[in-house]
Amino acid sequence: MYKLCDVEIGNLVRVNDLFLQGLMRERMLALGFTKEALIEVIRKGPKENLTLYKIRDTMIALRKEESSLISVKGI
């Protein structure tokens, strides 16, 4: 298991756990970051601070500080 921010472009992973609390946790769950959901890394921005992910046929951009709190595992 590792953090979502460490996944390379083009790889598919599954959500293992969210280490978020409060409104941020609710936001991620509403966006589809539920246990076992598939995530594909599409593109990384400048300095790898912002990354574009595809989850449940939706493109979502997350900052590194947000994606570092999502635990994932390979499929």
Protein backbone atom coordinates (compact mmCIF):
# COMPACT_ATOMS: atom_id res chain seq x y z
CA MET A 1 0.00 0.00 0.00
CA TYR A 2 1.18 3.49 -0.80
CA LYS A 3 -0.08 7.05 -1.23
CA LEU A 4 -2.03 8.22 -4.27
CA CYS A 5 0.46 11.05 -4.85
CA ASP A 6 3.25 8.46 -5.45
CA VAL A 7 1.48 6.66 -8.32
CA GLU A 8 3.04 7.16 -11.77
CA ILE A 9 1.15 8.48 -14.81
CA GLY A 10 -0.91 5.83 -16.61
CA ASN A 11 -1.18 3.42 -13.67
CA LEU A 12 -4.42 2.05 -12.24
CA VAL A 13 -4.83 1.63 -8.48
CA ARG A 14 -7.63 0.93 -5.99
CA VAL A 15 -8.53 3.08 -3.01
CA ASN A 16 -7.55 1.36 0.21
CA ASP A 17 -8.25 3.99 2.89
CA LEU A 18 -8.78 7.72 3.41
CA PHE A 19 -6.78 9.46 6.14
CA LEU A 20 -9.00 12.53 6.04
CA GLN A 21 -11.44 13.95 8.54
CA GLY A 22 -14.44 16.24 8.57
CA LEU A 23 -15.55 18.11 5.47
CA MET A 24 -12.56 16.99 3.41
CA ARG A 25 -13.42 13.33 4.00
CA GLU A 26 -17.05 13.94 3.05
CA ARG A 27 -15.95 15.76 -0.11
CA MET A 28 -13.70 12.89 -1.21
CA LEU A 29 -16.41 10.31 -0.54
CA ALA A 30 -18.90 12.39 -2.55
CA LEU A 31 -16.41 12.56 -5.45
CA GLY A 32 -16.23 8.76 -5.52
CA PHE A 33 -13.10 8.03 -3.48
CA THR A 34 -14.69 5.03 -1.77
CA LYS A 35 -12.97 1.79 -0.77
CA GLU A 36 -11.95 -0.35 -3.78
CA ALA A 37 -12.77 2.40 -6.32
CA LEU A 38 -10.47 2.35 -9.38
CA ILE A 39 -8.31 5.42 -10.01
CA GLU A 40 -6.17 6.14 -13.08
CA VAL A 41 -3.45 8.79 -13.01
CA ILE A 42 -3.89 10.89 -16.16
CA ARG A 43 -1.47 13.81 -15.91
CA LYS A 44 0.79 15.60 -13.44
CA GLY A 45 1.10 19.35 -13.44
CA PRO A 46 4.14 21.58 -12.98
CA LYS A 47 6.29 20.61 -10.02
CA GLU A 48 3.88 17.66 -9.56
CA ASN A 49 1.79 19.76 -7.15
CA LEU A 50 -1.47 19.20 -9.05
CA THR A 51 -2.43 15.82 -10.55
CA LEU A 52 -5.36 14.83 -12.72
CA TYR A 53 -7.08 11.54 -11.86
CA LYS A 54 -9.87 9.60 -13.54
CA ILE A 55 -12.29 7.99 -11.10
CA ARG A 56 -15.73 6.62 -12.03
CA ASP A 57 -15.54 8.21 -15.53
CA THR A 58 -14.87 11.66 -14.02
CA MET A 59 -11.66 13.71 -14.18
CA ILE A 60 -10.63 15.18 -10.82
CA ALA A 61 -7.58 17.32 -10.06
CA LEU A 62 -6.10 17.04 -6.56
CA ARG A 63 -3.25 18.84 -4.87
CA LYS A 64 -0.37 16.78 -3.52
CA GLU A 65 -1.38 17.51 0.09
CA GLU A 66 -4.82 16.00 -0.60
CA SER A 67 -3.66 12.97 -2.57
CA SER A 68 -1.00 12.15 0.02
CA LEU A 69 -3.82 11.37 2.48
CA ILE A 70 -5.34 8.67 0.26
CA SER A 71 -3.93 5.16 0.65
CA VAL A 72 -4.03 3.01 -2.50
CA LYS A 73 -3.01 -0.46 -3.60
CA GLY A 74 -2.14 -1.91 -7.00
CA ILE A 75 -4.64 -3.98 -8.94
